[in-house]
Amino acid sequence: MTRVFSGVKPTGHLTLGNYLGAMRQWAAVDQHRAEALFCVVDLHALTVDHDPARVRRLSRQAATLLLAAGLDPRLCTVFVQSHVDEHARLSYLLECVATDGEMRRMIQYKEKAAREQRRGGSVRLSLLTYPVLMAADILAYGADEVPVGDDQAQHVELTRDLAVRFNQRYGHAFVVPRATHPTVAARVMNLQEPLAKMGKSDDTGPGIVYLLDEPDVVRKKVMRAVTDSGREVVYDRESRPGVANLLEILAACTGGNPEALAGAYESYGALKADTAEAVVEVLRPVQERHKELCADPGHVEGVLRDGAERARGMARPTVDAAYRAIGLLPASSDTEARVLNAAR
């Protein structure tokens, strides 16, 4: 069976973009058609300055929202990255295969490093090397597919390169994965800056719809969305990015087609009103289920504990094999150690 791996980073509250671009696809399709693993990648949240308590809080919230979005632990594996040591173990091995030049060519590194420097902060080494940790996340599980947005495609290509290079140098250890991309709303844009992604790490709230926003807050944000010059409702991502973003969101929420939907509207106001209500209705069941799960924290903890155990069982044989292949001396098992001690 095809194996799928994907994750969410707890650097901010999850957004409508996370849901329409990824989480809904995971719940509706991926967990049913494949052996799927979904991970809260909390180690990645440490690559920039952060509040430890906030990371813990957002990690729990992200896990709860994954379940609220429809991920079923009977069908897939839901866990937290730091609960499975194999991620960090394999990351170092892959750092020994990757090159400095590859890391510095990563577009997200350049953008995030520049942002940190503008803020007067220092750039952490982990920000440079986190694509290798992402590669470890994927390769540890022998994933065939990695559902990602356009902004992460370069990292999956790096993962493929590292897997091929390791296999060629040290013997076959890894499955070479491929990136898959949602066909609709793969990249929901900021309502106030329609040329920028609706990112959860961005705190400019008016342009971002969060999954836990109250309905009235959602309506206000959508109704205040930036549109374009002119009055005609036309789907044109290049010349009308604001309207195109609204049409894509509406299409993703209703199952429609952006170009066809454009023909049904004569004003931006009507488009915004319908888009706002469509978003409210899409988020309603997620928010209701989230509230139920928050009332039973033991259930979420149990899912994460069981998920980590299952994930560990999948990853450990691959990582152990990679350690042997690259030349590291295997650790003795407890039984072997007792025998050796008795012999002394």
C-alpha atoms as a PDB file:
ATOM      1  CA  MET A   1       0.000   0.000   0.000  1.00  0.00           C
ATOM      2  CA  THR A   2       1.138   3.558  -0.718  1.00  0.00           C
ATOM      3  CA  ARG A   3       2.506   5.323   2.356  1.00  0.00           C
ATOM      4  CA  VAL A   4       1.868   9.050   2.838  1.00  0.00           C
ATOM      5  CA  PHE A   5       3.522  11.435   5.307  1.00  0.00           C
ATOM      6  CA  SER A   6       2.674  15.047   6.029  1.00  0.00           C
ATOM      7  CA  GLY A   7       2.860  17.439   8.937  1.00  0.00           C
ATOM      8  CA  VAL A   8       1.858  20.768  10.398  1.00  0.00           C
ATOM      9  CA  LYS A   9       4.214  23.126  12.210  1.00  0.00           C
ATOM     10  CA  PRO A  10       2.961  24.666  15.484  1.00  0.00           C
ATOM     11  CA  THR A  11       4.333  28.145  14.865  1.00  0.00           C
ATOM     12  CA  GLY A  12       0.894  29.771  14.834  1.00  0.00           C
ATOM     13  CA  HIS A  13      -2.810  29.059  14.868  1.00  0.00           C
ATOM     14  CA  LEU A  14      -3.905  26.872  11.950  1.00  0.00           C
ATOM     15  CA  THR A  15      -5.672  28.732   9.181  1.00  0.00           C
ATOM     16  CA  LEU A  16      -8.284  28.311   6.500  1.00  0.00           C
ATOM     17  CA  GLY A  17      -5.382  27.827   4.107  1.00  0.00           C
ATOM     18  CA  ASN A  18      -4.094  24.875   6.132  1.00  0.00           C
ATOM     19  CA  TYR A  19      -7.552  23.318   6.077  1.00  0.00           C
ATOM     20  CA  LEU A  20      -8.532  23.869   2.442  1.00  0.00           C
ATOM     21  CA  GLY A  21      -5.055  23.277   1.101  1.00  0.00           C
ATOM     22  CA  ALA A  22      -4.163  20.187   3.114  1.00  0.00           C
ATOM     23  CA  MET A  23      -6.093  18.976   6.147  1.00  0.00           C
ATOM     24  CA  ARG A  24      -9.416  18.397   4.411  1.00  0.00           C
ATOM     25  CA  GLN A  25      -7.692  16.384   1.681  1.00  0.00           C
ATOM     26  CA  TRP A  26      -5.923  14.307   4.318  1.00  0.00           C
ATOM     27  CA  ALA A  27      -9.194  13.464   6.047  1.00  0.00           C
ATOM     28  CA  ALA A  28     -11.382  12.948   2.988  1.00  0.00           C
ATOM     29  CA  VAL A  29      -8.934  11.124   0.735  1.00  0.00           C
ATOM     30  CA  ASP A  30      -5.445  10.313   1.952  1.00  0.00           C
ATOM     31  CA  GLN A  31      -6.247   8.420   5.139  1.00  0.00           C
ATOM     32  CA  HIS A  32      -8.632   6.163   3.192  1.00  0.00           C
ATOM     33  CA  ARG A  33      -6.449   5.381   0.177  1.00  0.00           C
ATOM     34  CA  ALA A  34      -3.041   4.993   1.813  1.00  0.00           C
ATOM     35  CA  GLU A  35      -1.113   4.096   4.942  1.00  0.00           C
ATOM     36  CA  ALA A  36      -0.998   7.664   6.181  1.00  0.00           C
ATOM     37  CA  LEU A  37       0.997   9.404   8.906  1.00  0.00           C
ATOM     38  CA  PHE A  38       0.202  12.938  10.040  1.00  0.00           C
ATOM     39  CA  CYS A  39       2.584  14.670  12.385  1.00  0.00           C
ATOM     40  CA  VAL A  40       2.741  17.850  14.467  1.00  0.00           C
ATOM     41  CA  VAL A  41       6.327  18.794  13.616  1.00  0.00           C
ATOM     42  CA  ASP A  42       7.149  20.636  16.820  1.00  0.00           C
ATOM     43  CA  LEU A  43      10.941  20.405  16.420  1.00  0.00           C
ATOM     44  CA  HIS A  44      10.624  22.664  13.389  1.00  0.00           C
ATOM     45  CA  ALA A  45       9.041  25.340  15.584  1.00  0.00           C
ATOM     46  CA  LEU A  46      12.352  25.731  17.432  1.00  0.00           C
ATOM     47  CA  THR A  47      14.228  27.112  14.424  1.00  0.00           C
ATOM     48  CA  VAL A  48      13.286  30.698  15.324  1.00  0.00           C
ATOM     49  CA  ASP A  49      12.853  32.620  18.560  1.00  0.00           C
ATOM     50  CA  HIS A  50       9.855  31.154  20.379  1.00  0.00           C
ATOM     51  CA  ASP A  51       7.985  30.984  23.663  1.00  0.00           C
ATOM     52  CA  PRO A  52       8.219  27.396  24.991  1.00  0.00           C
ATOM     53  CA  ALA A  53       4.775  27.516  26.592  1.00  0.00           C
ATOM     54  CA  ARG A  54       3.255  28.756  23.348  1.00  0.00           C
ATOM     55  CA  VAL A  55       4.873  25.976  21.333  1.00  0.00           C
ATOM     56  CA  ARG A  56       3.422  23.380  23.717  1.00  0.00           C
ATOM     57  CA  ARG A  57       0.010  25.025  23.586  1.00  0.00           C
ATOM     58  CA  LEU A  58      -0.021  25.295  19.797  1.00  0.00           C
ATOM     59  CA  SER A  59       1.223  21.715  19.426  1.00  0.00           C
ATOM     60  CA  ARG A  60      -1.713  20.417  21.450  1.00  0.00           C
ATOM     61  CA  GLN A  61      -4.111  22.674  19.562  1.00  0.00           C
ATOM     62  CA  ALA A  62      -2.761  21.524  16.189  1.00  0.00           C
ATOM     63  CA  ALA A  63      -3.132  17.862  17.148  1.00  0.00           C
ATOM     64  CA  THR A  64      -6.673  18.476  18.351  1.00  0.00           C
ATOM     65  CA  LEU A  65      -7.572  20.295  15.139  1.00  0.00           C
ATOM     66  CA  LEU A  66      -6.176  17.475  13.009  1.00  0.00           C
ATOM     67  CA  LEU A  67      -8.607  15.135  14.752  1.00  0.00           C
ATOM     68  CA  ALA A  68     -11.409  17.704  14.555  1.00  0.00           C
ATOM     69  CA  ALA A  69     -10.823  17.992  10.807  1.00  0.00           C
ATOM     70  CA  GLY A  70     -11.646  14.314  10.440  1.00  0.00           C
ATOM     71  CA  LEU A  71      -8.420  12.360  10.853  1.00  0.00           C
ATOM     72  CA  ASP A  72      -9.357   9.003  12.350  1.00  0.00           C
ATOM     73  CA  PRO A  73      -6.673   7.237  14.420  1.00  0.00           C
ATOM     74  CA  ARG A  74      -8.236   3.935  13.380  1.00  0.00           C
ATOM     75  CA  LEU A  75      -7.339   4.760   9.771  1.00  0.00           C
ATOM     76  CA  CYS A  76      -4.114   6.761  10.121  1.00  0.00           C
ATOM     77  CA  THR A  77      -1.295   7.575  12.516  1.00  0.00           C
ATOM     78  CA  VAL A  78      -1.425  10.956  14.277  1.00  0.00           C
ATOM     79  CA  PHE A  79       1.538  11.863  16.474  1.00  0.00           C
ATOM     80  CA  VAL A  80       3.981  14.541  17.610  1.00  0.00           C
ATOM     81  CA  GLN A  81       7.432  14.647  16.008  1.00  0.00           C
ATOM     82  CA  SER A  82       9.458  15.047  19.207  1.00  0.00           C
ATOM     83  CA  HIS A  83       7.807  11.946  20.681  1.00  0.00           C
ATOM     84  CA  VAL A  84       9.661   9.785  18.138  1.00  0.00           C
ATOM     85  CA  ASP A  85      13.460   9.967  18.544  1.00  0.00           C
ATOM     86  CA  GLU A  86      14.097   8.564  15.070  1.00  0.00           C
ATOM     87  CA  HIS A  87      13.469  11.978  13.506  1.00  0.00           C
ATOM     88  CA  ALA A  88      16.441  13.554  15.270  1.00  0.00           C
ATOM     89  CA  ARG A  89      18.589  10.422  14.883  1.00  0.00           C
ATOM     90  CA  LEU A  90      18.142  10.327  11.133  1.00  0.00           C
ATOM     91  CA  SER A  91      18.448  14.088  10.718  1.00  0.00           C
ATOM     92  CA  TYR A  92      22.100  14.035  11.767  1.00  0.00           C
ATOM     93  CA  LEU A  93      22.917  11.235   9.340  1.00  0.00           C
ATOM     94  CA  LEU A  94      21.358  13.220   6.510  1.00  0.00           C
ATOM     95  CA  GLU A  95      23.318  16.319   7.535  1.00  0.00           C
ATOM     96  CA  CYS A  96      26.391  14.189   6.863  1.00  0.00           C
ATOM     97  CA  VAL A  97      25.119  13.643   3.308  1.00  0.00           C
ATOM     98  CA  ALA A  98      23.773  17.136   2.542  1.00  0.00           C
ATOM     99  CA  THR A  99      25.986  20.062   1.543  1.00  0.00           C
ATOM    100  CA  ASP A 100      26.223  23.630   2.793  1.00  0.00           C
ATOM    101  CA  GLY A 101      25.439  24.932  -0.684  1.00  0.00           C
ATOM    102  CA  GLU A 102      22.207  22.958  -0.889  1.00  0.00           C
ATOM    103  CA  MET A 103      21.015  24.382   2.405  1.00  0.00           C
ATOM    104  CA  ARG A 104      21.798  27.965   1.491  1.00  0.00           C
ATOM    105  CA  ARG A 105      19.942  27.669  -1.817  1.00  0.00           C
ATOM    106  CA  MET A 106      16.665  26.887  -0.062  1.00  0.00           C
ATOM    107  CA  ILE A 107      14.261  29.736  -0.838  1.00  0.00           C
ATOM    108  CA  GLN A 108      12.489  29.555   2.522  1.00  0.00           C
ATOM    109  CA  TYR A 109      15.805  29.786   4.356  1.00  0.00           C
ATOM    110  CA  LYS A 110      16.702  32.956   2.462  1.00  0.00           C
ATOM    111  CA  GLU A 111      13.308  34.516   3.174  1.00  0.00           C
ATOM    112  CA  LYS A 112      13.150  33.559   6.842  1.00  0.00           C
ATOM    113  CA  ALA A 113      16.774  34.470   7.529  1.00  0.00           C
ATOM    114  CA  ALA A 114      16.235  37.892   5.964  1.00  0.00           C
ATOM    115  CA  ARG A 115      13.114  38.368   8.093  1.00  0.00           C
ATOM    116  CA  GLU A 116      15.002  37.490  11.288  1.00  0.00           C
ATOM    117  CA  GLN A 117      17.803  39.890  10.387  1.00  0.00           C
ATOM    118  CA  ARG A 118      15.338  42.716   9.700  1.00  0.00           C
ATOM    119  CA  ARG A 119      13.927  42.158  13.179  1.00  0.00           C
ATOM    120  CA  GLY A 120      17.395  42.525  14.632  1.00  0.00           C
ATOM    121  CA  GLY A 121      17.639  38.881  15.662  1.00  0.00           C
ATOM    122  CA  SER A 122      20.278  36.272  14.964  1.00  0.00           C
ATOM    123  CA  VAL A 123      19.718  33.410  12.533  1.00  0.00           C
ATOM    124  CA  ARG A 124      19.805  30.017  14.211  1.00  0.00           C
ATOM    125  CA  LEU A 125      21.781  27.196  12.648  1.00  0.00           C
ATOM    126  CA  SER A 126      18.664  25.020  12.859  1.00  0.00           C
ATOM    127  CA  LEU A 127      16.929  27.373  10.418  1.00  0.00           C
ATOM    128  CA  LEU A 128      19.612  26.539   7.866  1.00  0.00           C
ATOM    129  CA  THR A 129      19.433  22.792   8.445  1.00  0.00           C
ATOM    130  CA  TYR A 130      15.709  22.289   9.013  1.00  0.00           C
ATOM    131  CA  PRO A 131      15.116  21.026   5.428  1.00  0.00           C
ATOM    132  CA  VAL A 132      17.324  18.077   6.394  1.00  0.00           C
ATOM    133  CA  LEU A 133      15.122  17.410   9.423  1.00  0.00           C
ATOM    134  CA  MET A 134      12.128  17.568   7.104  1.00  0.00           C
ATOM    135  CA  ALA A 135      13.833  15.018   4.878  1.00  0.00           C
ATOM    136  CA  ALA A 136      14.351  12.803   7.929  1.00  0.00           C
ATOM    137  CA  ASP A 137      10.649  13.152   8.791  1.00  0.00           C
ATOM    138  CA  ILE A 138       9.772  11.722   5.404  1.00  0.00           C
ATOM    139  CA  LEU A 139      12.497   9.152   4.814  1.00  0.00           C
ATOM    140  CA  ALA A 140      12.235   7.541   8.250  1.00  0.00           C
ATOM    141  CA  TYR A 141       8.836   6.154   7.289  1.00  0.00           C
ATOM    142  CA  GLY A 142       9.541   5.067   3.738  1.00  0.00           C
ATOM    143  CA  ALA A 143       6.892   7.492   2.516  1.00  0.00           C
ATOM    144  CA  ASP A 144       5.971   7.203  -1.155  1.00  0.00           C
ATOM    145  CA  GLU A 145       4.047  10.488  -1.284  1.00  0.00           C
ATOM    146  CA  VAL A 146       4.304  13.827   0.500  1.00  0.00           C
ATOM    147  CA  PRO A 147       1.266  16.123   0.078  1.00  0.00           C
ATOM    148  CA  VAL A 148       2.662  19.666   0.118  1.00  0.00           C
ATOM    149  CA  GLY A 149       1.896  23.171  -1.038  1.00  0.00           C
ATOM    150  CA  ASP A 150       3.958  24.873  -3.705  1.00  0.00           C
ATOM    151  CA  ASP A 151       6.182  26.535  -1.097  1.00  0.00           C
ATOM    152  CA  GLN A 152       7.416  23.160   0.196  1.00  0.00           C
ATOM    153  CA  ALA A 153       8.082  21.498  -3.157  1.00  0.00           C
ATOM    154  CA  GLN A 154      11.768  22.485  -3.087  1.00  0.00           C
ATOM    155  CA  HIS A 155      12.200  20.684   0.231  1.00  0.00           C
ATOM    156  CA  VAL A 156      10.716  17.478  -1.150  1.00  0.00           C
ATOM    157  CA  GLU A 157      13.146  17.705  -4.078  1.00  0.00           C
ATOM    158  CA  LEU A 158      15.986  17.991  -1.562  1.00  0.00           C
ATOM    159  CA  THR A 159      14.607  14.936   0.240  1.00  0.00           C
ATOM    160  CA  ARG A 160      14.666  12.994  -3.014  1.00  0.00           C
ATOM    161  CA  ASP A 161      18.246  14.100  -3.719  1.00  0.00           C
ATOM    162  CA  LEU A 162      19.438  13.056  -0.250  1.00  0.00           C
ATOM    163  CA  ALA A 163      17.704   9.686  -0.489  1.00  0.00           C
ATOM    164  CA  VAL A 164      19.258   8.941  -3.882  1.00  0.00           C
ATOM    165  CA  ARG A 165      22.707  10.098  -2.757  1.00  0.00           C
ATOM    166  CA  PHE A 166      22.595   8.015   0.432  1.00  0.00           C
ATOM    167  CA  ASN A 167      21.391   4.952  -1.453  1.00  0.00           C
ATOM    168  CA  GLN A 168      24.148   5.281  -4.034  1.00  0.00           C
ATOM    169  CA  ARG A 169      26.930   5.816  -1.527  1.00  0.00           C
ATOM    170  CA  TYR A 170      25.989   3.415   1.252  1.00  0.00           C
ATOM    171  CA  GLY A 171      23.477   0.953  -0.165  1.00  0.00           C
ATOM    172  CA  HIS A 172      19.732   1.131  -0.548  1.00  0.00           C
ATOM    173  CA  ALA A 173      18.143   2.394   2.661  1.00  0.00           C
ATOM    174  CA  PHE A 174      15.393   4.809   1.637  1.00  0.00           C
ATOM    175  CA  VAL A 175      12.323   4.988  -0.545  1.00  0.00           C
ATOM    176  CA  VAL A 176      12.593   8.001  -2.873  1.00  0.00           C
ATOM    177  CA  PRO A 177       9.355   9.961  -2.274  1.00  0.00           C
ATOM    178  CA  ARG A 178       7.426  12.227  -4.584  1.00  0.00           C
ATOM    179  CA  ALA A 179       5.506  15.419  -3.869  1.00  0.00           C
ATOM    180  CA  THR A 180       1.776  15.566  -4.541  1.00  0.00           C
ATOM    181  CA  HIS A 181      -0.212  18.783  -4.852  1.00  0.00           C
ATOM    182  CA  PRO A 182      -3.915  19.500  -4.264  1.00  0.00           C
ATOM    183  CA  THR A 183      -5.620  20.697  -7.438  1.00  0.00           C
ATOM    184  CA  VAL A 184      -7.867  23.307  -5.797  1.00  0.00           C
ATOM    185  CA  ALA A 185      -6.901  25.920  -3.202  1.00  0.00           C
ATOM    186  CA  ALA A 186      -3.405  24.520  -2.878  1.00  0.00           C
ATOM    187  CA  ARG A 187      -2.336  27.962  -1.764  1.00  0.00           C
ATOM    188  CA  VAL A 188      -4.964  30.188  -0.147  1.00  0.00           C
ATOM    189  CA  MET A 189      -3.749  33.761  -0.129  1.00  0.00           C
ATOM    190  CA  ASN A 190      -3.887  36.480   2.513  1.00  0.00           C
ATOM    191  CA  LEU A 191      -7.160  38.425   2.292  1.00  0.00           C
ATOM    192  CA  GLN A 192      -5.331  41.724   2.764  1.00  0.00           C
ATOM    193  CA  GLU A 193      -2.289  40.819   0.643  1.00  0.00           C
ATOM    194  CA  PRO A 194      -3.543  38.495  -2.117  1.00  0.00           C
ATOM    195  CA  LEU A 195      -0.046  37.990  -3.477  1.00  0.00           C
ATOM    196  CA  ALA A 196       1.117  36.515  -0.147  1.00  0.00           C
ATOM    197  CA  LYS A 197       0.212  33.124   1.285  1.00  0.00           C
ATOM    198  CA  MET A 198      -2.248  32.973   4.203  1.00  0.00           C
ATOM    199  CA  GLY A 199       0.460  31.815   6.602  1.00  0.00           C
ATOM    200  CA  LYS A 200      -0.129  30.837  10.215  1.00  0.00           C
ATOM    201  CA  SER A 201       3.212  32.329  11.315  1.00  0.00           C
ATOM    202  CA  ASP A 202       2.097  35.764  10.144  1.00  0.00           C
ATOM    203  CA  ASP A 203       0.332  37.714  12.871  1.00  0.00           C
ATOM    204  CA  THR A 204      -1.409  40.205  10.557  1.00  0.00           C
ATOM    205  CA  GLY A 205      -4.798  38.921  11.640  1.00  0.00           C
ATOM    206  CA  PRO A 206      -7.154  40.878   9.346  1.00  0.00           C
ATOM    207  CA  GLY A 207      -5.965  38.963   6.293  1.00  0.00           C
ATOM    208  CA  ILE A 208      -5.959  35.529   7.900  1.00  0.00           C
ATOM    209  CA  VAL A 209      -8.945  33.353   8.737  1.00  0.00           C
ATOM    210  CA  TYR A 210      -8.039  31.029  11.595  1.00  0.00           C
ATOM    211  CA  LEU A 211      -9.831  27.726  12.024  1.00  0.00           C
ATOM    212  CA  LEU A 212     -11.092  28.757  15.449  1.00  0.00           C
ATOM    213  CA  ASP A 213     -12.267  32.258  14.473  1.00  0.00           C
ATOM    214  CA  GLU A 214     -15.849  32.973  15.538  1.00  0.00           C
ATOM    215  CA  PRO A 215     -18.361  33.231  12.638  1.00  0.00           C
ATOM    216  CA  ASP A 216     -18.731  36.991  12.985  1.00  0.00           C
ATOM    217  CA  VAL A 217     -14.964  37.403  12.904  1.00  0.00           C
ATOM    218  CA  VAL A 218     -14.803  35.295   9.742  1.00  0.00           C
ATOM    219  CA  ARG A 219     -17.491  37.387   8.079  1.00  0.00           C
ATOM    220  CA  LYS A 220     -15.754  40.633   8.995  1.00  0.00           C
ATOM    221  CA  LYS A 221     -12.401  39.480   7.616  1.00  0.00           C
ATOM    222  CA  VAL A 222     -13.860  38.237   4.341  1.00  0.00           C
ATOM    223  CA  MET A 223     -16.023  41.310   3.827  1.00  0.00           C
ATOM    224  CA  ARG A 224     -12.949  43.496   4.294  1.00  0.00           C
ATOM    225  CA  ALA A 225     -10.846  41.476   1.858  1.00  0.00           C
ATOM    226  CA  VAL A 226      -8.819  43.461  -0.657  1.00  0.00           C
ATOM    227  CA  THR A 227     -10.223  43.255  -4.180  1.00  0.00           C
ATOM    228  CA  ASP A 228      -9.021  44.840  -7.418  1.00  0.00           C
ATOM    229  CA  SER A 229      -9.625  47.876  -9.586  1.00  0.00           C
ATOM    230  CA  GLY A 230     -12.725  47.699 -11.733  1.00  0.00           C
ATOM    231  CA  ARG A 231     -16.094  46.219 -10.894  1.00  0.00           C
ATOM    232  CA  GLU A 232     -16.385  43.138 -13.069  1.00  0.00           C
ATOM    233  CA  VAL A 233     -16.026  39.794 -11.288  1.00  0.00           C
ATOM    234  CA  VAL A 234     -13.470  37.906 -13.388  1.00  0.00           C
ATOM    235  CA  TYR A 235     -11.267  34.973 -12.479  1.00  0.00           C
ATOM    236  CA  ASP A 236      -7.753  36.066 -13.411  1.00  0.00           C
ATOM    237  CA  ARG A 237      -4.990  35.182 -10.967  1.00  0.00           C
ATOM    238  CA  GLU A 238      -2.471  37.511 -12.661  1.00  0.00           C
ATOM    239  CA  SER A 239      -4.421  40.739 -13.088  1.00  0.00           C
ATOM    240  CA  ARG A 240      -7.176  40.241 -10.474  1.00  0.00           C
ATOM    241  CA  PRO A 241      -5.458  38.409  -7.575  1.00  0.00           C
ATOM    242  CA  GLY A 242      -7.865  39.660  -4.893  1.00  0.00           C
ATOM    243  CA  VAL A 243     -11.005  38.513  -6.669  1.00  0.00           C
ATOM    244  CA  ALA A 244      -9.310  35.316  -7.812  1.00  0.00           C
ATOM    245  CA  ASN A 245      -8.455  34.472  -4.209  1.00  0.00           C
ATOM    246  CA  LEU A 246     -12.086  34.920  -3.125  1.00  0.00           C
ATOM    247  CA  LEU A 247     -13.321  32.811  -6.035  1.00  0.00           C
ATOM    248  CA  GLU A 248     -10.830  30.052  -5.229  1.00  0.00           C
ATOM    249  CA  ILE A 249     -11.861  30.038  -1.575  1.00  0.00           C
ATOM    250  CA  LEU A 250     -15.545  29.934  -2.530  1.00  0.00           C
ATOM    251  CA  ALA A 251     -14.881  27.128  -5.008  1.00  0.00           C
ATOM    252  CA  ALA A 252     -12.952  25.115  -2.440  1.00  0.00           C
ATOM    253  CA  CYS A 253     -15.712  25.539   0.137  1.00  0.00           C
ATOM    254  CA  THR A 254     -18.600  24.703  -2.201  1.00  0.00           C
ATOM    255  CA  GLY A 255     -17.030  22.268  -4.658  1.00  0.00           C
ATOM    256  CA  GLY A 256     -17.462  24.708  -7.520  1.00  0.00           C
ATOM    257  CA  ASN A 257     -15.178  25.990 -10.250  1.00  0.00           C
ATOM    258  CA  PRO A 258     -13.642  29.474  -9.864  1.00  0.00           C
ATOM    259  CA  GLU A 259     -14.160  30.465 -13.484  1.00  0.00           C
ATOM    260  CA  ALA A 260     -17.759  29.278 -13.517  1.00  0.00           C
ATOM    261  CA  LEU A 261     -18.503  30.974 -10.212  1.00  0.00           C
ATOM    262  CA  ALA A 262     -17.202  34.293 -11.510  1.00  0.00           C
ATOM    263  CA  GLY A 263     -20.020  34.425 -14.041  1.00  0.00           C
ATOM    264  CA  ALA A 264     -22.635  34.250 -11.293  1.00  0.00           C
ATOM    265  CA  TYR A 265     -21.658  37.570  -9.664  1.00  0.00           C
ATOM    266  CA  GLU A 266     -22.134  41.139 -10.735  1.00  0.00           C
ATOM    267  CA  SER A 267     -20.518  42.788  -7.711  1.00  0.00           C
ATOM    268  CA  TYR A 268     -17.651  42.246  -5.300  1.00  0.00           C
ATOM    269  CA  GLY A 269     -20.012  42.685  -2.363  1.00  0.00           C
ATOM    270  CA  ALA A 270     -22.180  39.723  -3.316  1.00  0.00           C
ATOM    271  CA  LEU A 271     -19.094  37.572  -3.917  1.00  0.00           C
ATOM    272  CA  LYS A 272     -17.683  38.484  -0.512  1.00  0.00           C
ATOM    273  CA  ALA A 273     -20.969  37.789   1.253  1.00  0.00           C
ATOM    274  CA  ASP A 274     -21.334  34.343  -0.270  1.00  0.00           C
ATOM    275  CA  THR A 275     -17.676  33.521   0.336  1.00  0.00           C
ATOM    276  CA  ALA A 276     -17.974  34.549   3.980  1.00  0.00           C
ATOM    277  CA  GLU A 277     -20.996  32.310   4.567  1.00  0.00           C
ATOM    278  CA  ALA A 278     -19.356  29.405   2.736  1.00  0.00           C
ATOM    279  CA  VAL A 279     -16.275  29.675   4.967  1.00  0.00           C
ATOM    280  CA  VAL A 280     -18.413  29.857   8.112  1.00  0.00           C
ATOM    281  CA  GLU A 281     -20.255  26.672   7.112  1.00  0.00           C
ATOM    282  CA  VAL A 282     -17.063  24.812   6.208  1.00  0.00           C
ATOM    283  CA  LEU A 283     -15.501  25.641   9.564  1.00  0.00           C
ATOM    284  CA  ARG A 284     -18.606  24.949  11.659  1.00  0.00           C
ATOM    285  CA  PRO A 285     -18.206  21.143  12.027  1.00  0.00           C
ATOM    286  CA  VAL A 286     -14.470  21.479  12.659  1.00  0.00           C
ATOM    287  CA  GLN A 287     -15.068  23.969  15.442  1.00  0.00           C
ATOM    288  CA  GLU A 288     -17.836  21.881  16.991  1.00  0.00           C
ATOM    289  CA  ARG A 289     -15.669  18.753  17.006  1.00  0.00           C
ATOM    290  CA  HIS A 290     -12.715  20.734  18.390  1.00  0.00           C
ATOM    291  CA  LYS A 291     -14.870  21.861  21.299  1.00  0.00           C
ATOM    292  CA  GLU A 292     -15.847  18.253  22.030  1.00  0.00           C
ATOM    293  CA  LEU A 293     -12.235  17.082  21.949  1.00  0.00           C
ATOM    294  CA  CYS A 294     -11.094  19.886  24.239  1.00  0.00           C
ATOM    295  CA  ALA A 295     -13.598  18.635  26.800  1.00  0.00           C
ATOM    296  CA  ASP A 296     -11.868  15.238  26.743  1.00  0.00           C
ATOM    297  CA  PRO A 297      -8.095  15.955  26.768  1.00  0.00           C
ATOM    298  CA  GLY A 298      -7.326  12.397  27.821  1.00  0.00           C
ATOM    299  CA  HIS A 299      -8.615  11.149  24.484  1.00  0.00           C
ATOM    300  CA  VAL A 300      -6.227  13.395  22.527  1.00  0.00           C
ATOM    301  CA  GLU A 301      -3.308  12.390  24.754  1.00  0.00           C
ATOM    302  CA  GLY A 302      -4.126   8.722  24.181  1.00  0.00           C
ATOM    303  CA  VAL A 303      -4.262   9.193  20.406  1.00  0.00           C
ATOM    304  CA  LEU A 304      -0.853  10.908  20.419  1.00  0.00           C
ATOM    305  CA  ARG A 305       0.677   8.287  22.688  1.00  0.00           C
ATOM    306  CA  ASP A 306      -0.581   5.416  20.561  1.00  0.00           C
ATOM    307  CA  GLY A 307       0.364   7.252  17.374  1.00  0.00           C
ATOM    308  CA  ALA A 308       3.940   7.821  18.570  1.00  0.00           C
ATOM    309  CA  GLU A 309       4.308   4.151  19.482  1.00  0.00           C
ATOM    310  CA  ARG A 310       3.041   3.061  16.075  1.00  0.00           C
ATOM    311  CA  ALA A 311       5.223   5.620  14.278  1.00  0.00           C
ATOM    312  CA  ARG A 312       8.272   4.536  16.263  1.00  0.00           C
ATOM    313  CA  GLY A 313       7.701   0.959  15.209  1.00  0.00           C
ATOM    314  CA  MET A 314       7.622   2.019  11.551  1.00  0.00           C
ATOM    315  CA  ALA A 315      10.640   4.324  11.671  1.00  0.00           C
ATOM    316  CA  ARG A 316      13.115   2.455  13.869  1.00  0.00           C
ATOM    317  CA  PRO A 317      13.982  -0.389  11.448  1.00  0.00           C
ATOM    318  CA  THR A 318      14.687   2.092   8.641  1.00  0.00           C
ATOM    319  CA  VAL A 319      16.801   4.385  10.806  1.00  0.00           C
ATOM    320  CA  ASP A 320      18.710   1.480  12.365  1.00  0.00           C
ATOM    321  CA  ALA A 321      19.445   0.163   8.887  1.00  0.00           C
ATOM    322  CA  ALA A 322      20.695   3.590   7.801  1.00  0.00           C
ATOM    323  CA  TYR A 323      23.000   3.730  10.838  1.00  0.00           C
ATOM    324  CA  ARG A 324      24.508   0.384   9.881  1.00  0.00           C
ATOM    325  CA  ALA A 325      24.801   1.331   6.215  1.00  0.00           C
ATOM    326  CA  ILE A 326      26.693   4.552   6.878  1.00  0.00           C
ATOM    327  CA  GLY A 327      29.225   2.760   9.046  1.00  0.00           C
ATOM    328  CA  LEU A 328      28.109   3.134  12.674  1.00  0.00           C
ATOM    329  CA  LEU A 329      28.638   0.283  15.090  1.00  0.00           C
ATOM    330  CA  PRO A 330      25.300  -1.260  16.119  1.00  0.00           C
ATOM    331  CA  ALA A 331      24.413  -1.004  19.788  1.00  0.00           C
ATOM    332  CA  SER A 332      24.135  -4.297  21.629  1.00  0.00           C
ATOM    333  CA  SER A 333      20.651  -5.376  22.632  1.00  0.00           C
ATOM    334  CA  ASP A 334      19.817  -5.744  26.325  1.00  0.00           C
ATOM    335  CA  THR A 335      20.081  -9.511  26.000  1.00  0.00           C
ATOM    336  CA  GLU A 336      23.462  -9.324  24.281  1.00  0.00           C
ATOM    337  CA  ALA A 337      24.714  -6.887  26.902  1.00  0.00           C
ATOM    338  CA  ARG A 338      23.742  -9.239  29.741  1.00  0.00           C
ATOM    339  CA  VAL A 339      25.524 -12.115  28.045  1.00  0.00           C
ATOM    340  CA  LEU A 340      28.656 -10.037  27.554  1.00  0.00           C
ATOM    341  CA  ASN A 341      28.624  -8.871  31.177  1.00  0.00           C
ATOM    342  CA  ALA A 342      28.168 -12.455  32.420  1.00  0.00           C
ATOM    343  CA  ALA A 343      31.088 -13.609  30.290  1.00  0.00           C
ATOM    344  CA  ARG A 344      33.339 -11.081  31.965  1.00  0.00           C
END
